[in-house]
Amino acid sequence: MGGTPDFIALPGELSQEEVRTKHDEAVRECQYNSGHGGYTGTLAEKIDGVEFPTLPSRLNGVLPSRHAAEQWVLEHNEKWGPSFAVRCTGEDGKEWWIVGGWCSS
């Protein structure tokens, strides 16, 4: 069985607790949409919650783009573990949370 990346983007002003809540809502929505079948390749598989990993200090806690954030998560996240949430600067110049990772498929 493989893995497929899946992410949601949330406004950077949300607290970590609010990110957890939004993530859990997205998990439930993905489960509903997939019929709770398992191996969906979506956030439906990320039932273990969200972790907020520490980024290298040279990044000051914020990755330079959504693409960079997704790539960083994919290099560090495992499909059977929780989602990761990292901050990035969007094309609009605002900060965003990128939440997700590898999802079993």
C-alpha atoms as a PDB file:
ATOM      1  CA  MET A   1       0.000   0.000   0.000  1.00  0.00           C
ATOM      2  CA  GLY A   2       1.150   3.464  -0.816  1.00  0.00           C
ATOM      3  CA  GLY A   3       0.754   6.942   0.416  1.00  0.00           C
ATOM      4  CA  THR A   4      -0.649  10.107  -1.068  1.00  0.00           C
ATOM      5  CA  PRO A   5      -0.019  13.644   0.174  1.00  0.00           C
ATOM      6  CA  ASP A   6      -3.025  15.638   1.357  1.00  0.00           C
ATOM      7  CA  PHE A   7      -3.031  19.127   2.872  1.00  0.00           C
ATOM      8  CA  ILE A   8      -5.278  21.921   4.007  1.00  0.00           C
ATOM      9  CA  ALA A   9      -4.239  25.573   4.310  1.00  0.00           C
ATOM     10  CA  LEU A  10      -5.469  27.555   7.285  1.00  0.00           C
ATOM     11  CA  PRO A  11      -4.997  31.247   8.160  1.00  0.00           C
ATOM     12  CA  GLY A  12      -1.801  31.909  10.093  1.00  0.00           C
ATOM     13  CA  GLU A  13      -3.593  33.839  12.837  1.00  0.00           C
ATOM     14  CA  LEU A  14      -5.251  30.647  14.130  1.00  0.00           C
ATOM     15  CA  SER A  15      -3.908  29.278  17.407  1.00  0.00           C
ATOM     16  CA  GLN A  16      -2.556  25.742  17.610  1.00  0.00           C
ATOM     17  CA  GLU A  17      -5.764  24.660  19.331  1.00  0.00           C
ATOM     18  CA  GLU A  18      -7.839  26.175  16.522  1.00  0.00           C
ATOM     19  CA  VAL A  19      -5.637  24.384  13.969  1.00  0.00           C
ATOM     20  CA  ARG A  20      -6.294  21.101  15.788  1.00  0.00           C
ATOM     21  CA  THR A  21     -10.043  21.743  15.692  1.00  0.00           C
ATOM     22  CA  LYS A  22     -10.021  22.606  11.969  1.00  0.00           C
ATOM     23  CA  HIS A  23      -7.886  19.528  11.246  1.00  0.00           C
ATOM     24  CA  ASP A  24     -10.292  17.253  13.105  1.00  0.00           C
ATOM     25  CA  GLU A  25     -13.197  18.763  11.152  1.00  0.00           C
ATOM     26  CA  ALA A  26     -11.343  18.084   7.881  1.00  0.00           C
ATOM     27  CA  VAL A  27     -10.643  14.481   8.958  1.00  0.00           C
ATOM     28  CA  ARG A  28     -14.335  13.897   9.689  1.00  0.00           C
ATOM     29  CA  GLU A  29     -15.348  15.479   6.369  1.00  0.00           C
ATOM     30  CA  CYS A  30     -12.894  13.271   4.468  1.00  0.00           C
ATOM     31  CA  GLN A  31     -14.149  10.194   6.337  1.00  0.00           C
ATOM     32  CA  TYR A  32     -17.729  11.093   5.459  1.00  0.00           C
ATOM     33  CA  ASN A  33     -16.858  11.702   1.799  1.00  0.00           C
ATOM     34  CA  SER A  34     -14.979   8.400   1.524  1.00  0.00           C
ATOM     35  CA  GLY A  35     -17.537   6.298   3.396  1.00  0.00           C
ATOM     36  CA  HIS A  36     -15.090   5.474   6.222  1.00  0.00           C
ATOM     37  CA  GLY A  37     -13.523   2.883   3.891  1.00  0.00           C
ATOM     38  CA  GLY A  38      -9.881   3.342   4.825  1.00  0.00           C
ATOM     39  CA  TYR A  39      -6.815   3.758   2.604  1.00  0.00           C
ATOM     40  CA  THR A  40      -8.364   6.849   1.005  1.00  0.00           C
ATOM     41  CA  GLY A  41      -5.185   8.849   0.484  1.00  0.00           C
ATOM     42  CA  THR A  42      -6.884  11.760   2.259  1.00  0.00           C
ATOM     43  CA  LEU A  43      -6.791  13.356   5.681  1.00  0.00           C
ATOM     44  CA  ALA A  44      -9.390  10.722   6.669  1.00  0.00           C
ATOM     45  CA  GLU A  45      -6.359   8.562   7.528  1.00  0.00           C
ATOM     46  CA  LYS A  46      -4.776  11.156   9.846  1.00  0.00           C
ATOM     47  CA  ILE A  47      -6.797  10.288  12.955  1.00  0.00           C
ATOM     48  CA  ASP A  48      -3.850  10.721  15.340  1.00  0.00           C
ATOM     49  CA  GLY A  49      -4.199  14.491  15.429  1.00  0.00           C
ATOM     50  CA  VAL A  50      -1.678  17.193  14.619  1.00  0.00           C
ATOM     51  CA  GLU A  51       1.921  17.793  15.640  1.00  0.00           C
ATOM     52  CA  PHE A  52       3.676  21.147  15.356  1.00  0.00           C
ATOM     53  CA  PRO A  53       7.290  20.242  14.530  1.00  0.00           C
ATOM     54  CA  THR A  54      10.090  22.677  15.200  1.00  0.00           C
ATOM     55  CA  LEU A  55      11.586  24.024  12.003  1.00  0.00           C
ATOM     56  CA  PRO A  56      15.311  24.746  11.679  1.00  0.00           C
ATOM     57  CA  SER A  57      16.250  28.011  13.419  1.00  0.00           C
ATOM     58  CA  ARG A  58      17.487  29.559  10.148  1.00  0.00           C
ATOM     59  CA  LEU A  59      13.843  29.588   8.994  1.00  0.00           C
ATOM     60  CA  ASN A  60      12.596  31.557  12.020  1.00  0.00           C
ATOM     61  CA  GLY A  61       9.634  29.158  12.283  1.00  0.00           C
ATOM     62  CA  VAL A  62       8.163  30.110   8.884  1.00  0.00           C
ATOM     63  CA  LEU A  63       8.843  28.461   5.531  1.00  0.00           C
ATOM     64  CA  PRO A  64       9.110  30.792   2.507  1.00  0.00           C
ATOM     65  CA  SER A  65       6.205  29.346   0.452  1.00  0.00           C
ATOM     66  CA  ARG A  66       3.374  26.825   0.460  1.00  0.00           C
ATOM     67  CA  HIS A  67       5.399  24.587  -1.851  1.00  0.00           C
ATOM     68  CA  ALA A  68       8.368  24.688   0.539  1.00  0.00           C
ATOM     69  CA  ALA A  69       6.060  23.894   3.478  1.00  0.00           C
ATOM     70  CA  GLU A  70       4.475  20.917   1.721  1.00  0.00           C
ATOM     71  CA  GLN A  71       7.895  19.605   0.652  1.00  0.00           C
ATOM     72  CA  TRP A  72       9.266  19.940   4.193  1.00  0.00           C
ATOM     73  CA  VAL A  73       6.285  18.056   5.617  1.00  0.00           C
ATOM     74  CA  LEU A  74       6.574  15.284   3.029  1.00  0.00           C
ATOM     75  CA  GLU A  75      10.258  14.831   3.887  1.00  0.00           C
ATOM     76  CA  HIS A  76       9.506  14.455   7.617  1.00  0.00           C
ATOM     77  CA  ASN A  77       5.970  13.017   7.944  1.00  0.00           C
ATOM     78  CA  GLU A  78       4.988   9.339   7.999  1.00  0.00           C
ATOM     79  CA  LYS A  79       1.759   7.986   6.549  1.00  0.00           C
ATOM     80  CA  TRP A  80       0.766   6.170   9.752  1.00  0.00           C
ATOM     81  CA  GLY A  81       1.413   9.089  12.080  1.00  0.00           C
ATOM     82  CA  PRO A  82      -0.308  12.367  12.845  1.00  0.00           C
ATOM     83  CA  SER A  83      -0.550  15.306  10.475  1.00  0.00           C
ATOM     84  CA  PHE A  84       2.100  17.997  10.707  1.00  0.00           C
ATOM     85  CA  ALA A  85       1.286  21.704  10.835  1.00  0.00           C
ATOM     86  CA  VAL A  86       3.913  24.212   9.724  1.00  0.00           C
ATOM     87  CA  ARG A  87       3.754  27.917   8.981  1.00  0.00           C
ATOM     88  CA  CYS A  88       4.596  29.451   5.635  1.00  0.00           C
ATOM     89  CA  THR A  89       4.333  32.749   3.819  1.00  0.00           C
ATOM     90  CA  GLY A  90       1.697  32.644   1.115  1.00  0.00           C
ATOM     91  CA  GLU A  91       1.789  34.340  -2.268  1.00  0.00           C
ATOM     92  CA  ASP A  92      -0.399  37.017  -0.678  1.00  0.00           C
ATOM     93  CA  GLY A  93       2.385  37.839   1.813  1.00  0.00           C
ATOM     94  CA  LYS A  94       0.327  36.557   4.748  1.00  0.00           C
ATOM     95  CA  GLU A  95       1.232  33.664   7.031  1.00  0.00           C
ATOM     96  CA  TRP A  96      -0.606  30.370   6.621  1.00  0.00           C
ATOM     97  CA  TRP A  97      -0.659  27.011   8.358  1.00  0.00           C
ATOM     98  CA  ILE A  98      -0.098  24.073   6.012  1.00  0.00           C
ATOM     99  CA  VAL A  99      -1.539  20.982   7.689  1.00  0.00           C
ATOM    100  CA  GLY A 100      -1.360  17.378   6.518  1.00  0.00           C
ATOM    101  CA  GLY A 101       1.186  14.944   5.192  1.00  0.00           C
ATOM    102  CA  TRP A 102       1.381  11.420   3.809  1.00  0.00           C
ATOM    103  CA  CYS A 103      -1.941   9.564   3.944  1.00  0.00           C
ATOM    104  CA  SER A 104      -2.216   5.807   3.413  1.00  0.00           C
ATOM    105  CA  SER A 105      -3.788   4.813   0.126  1.00  0.00           C
END
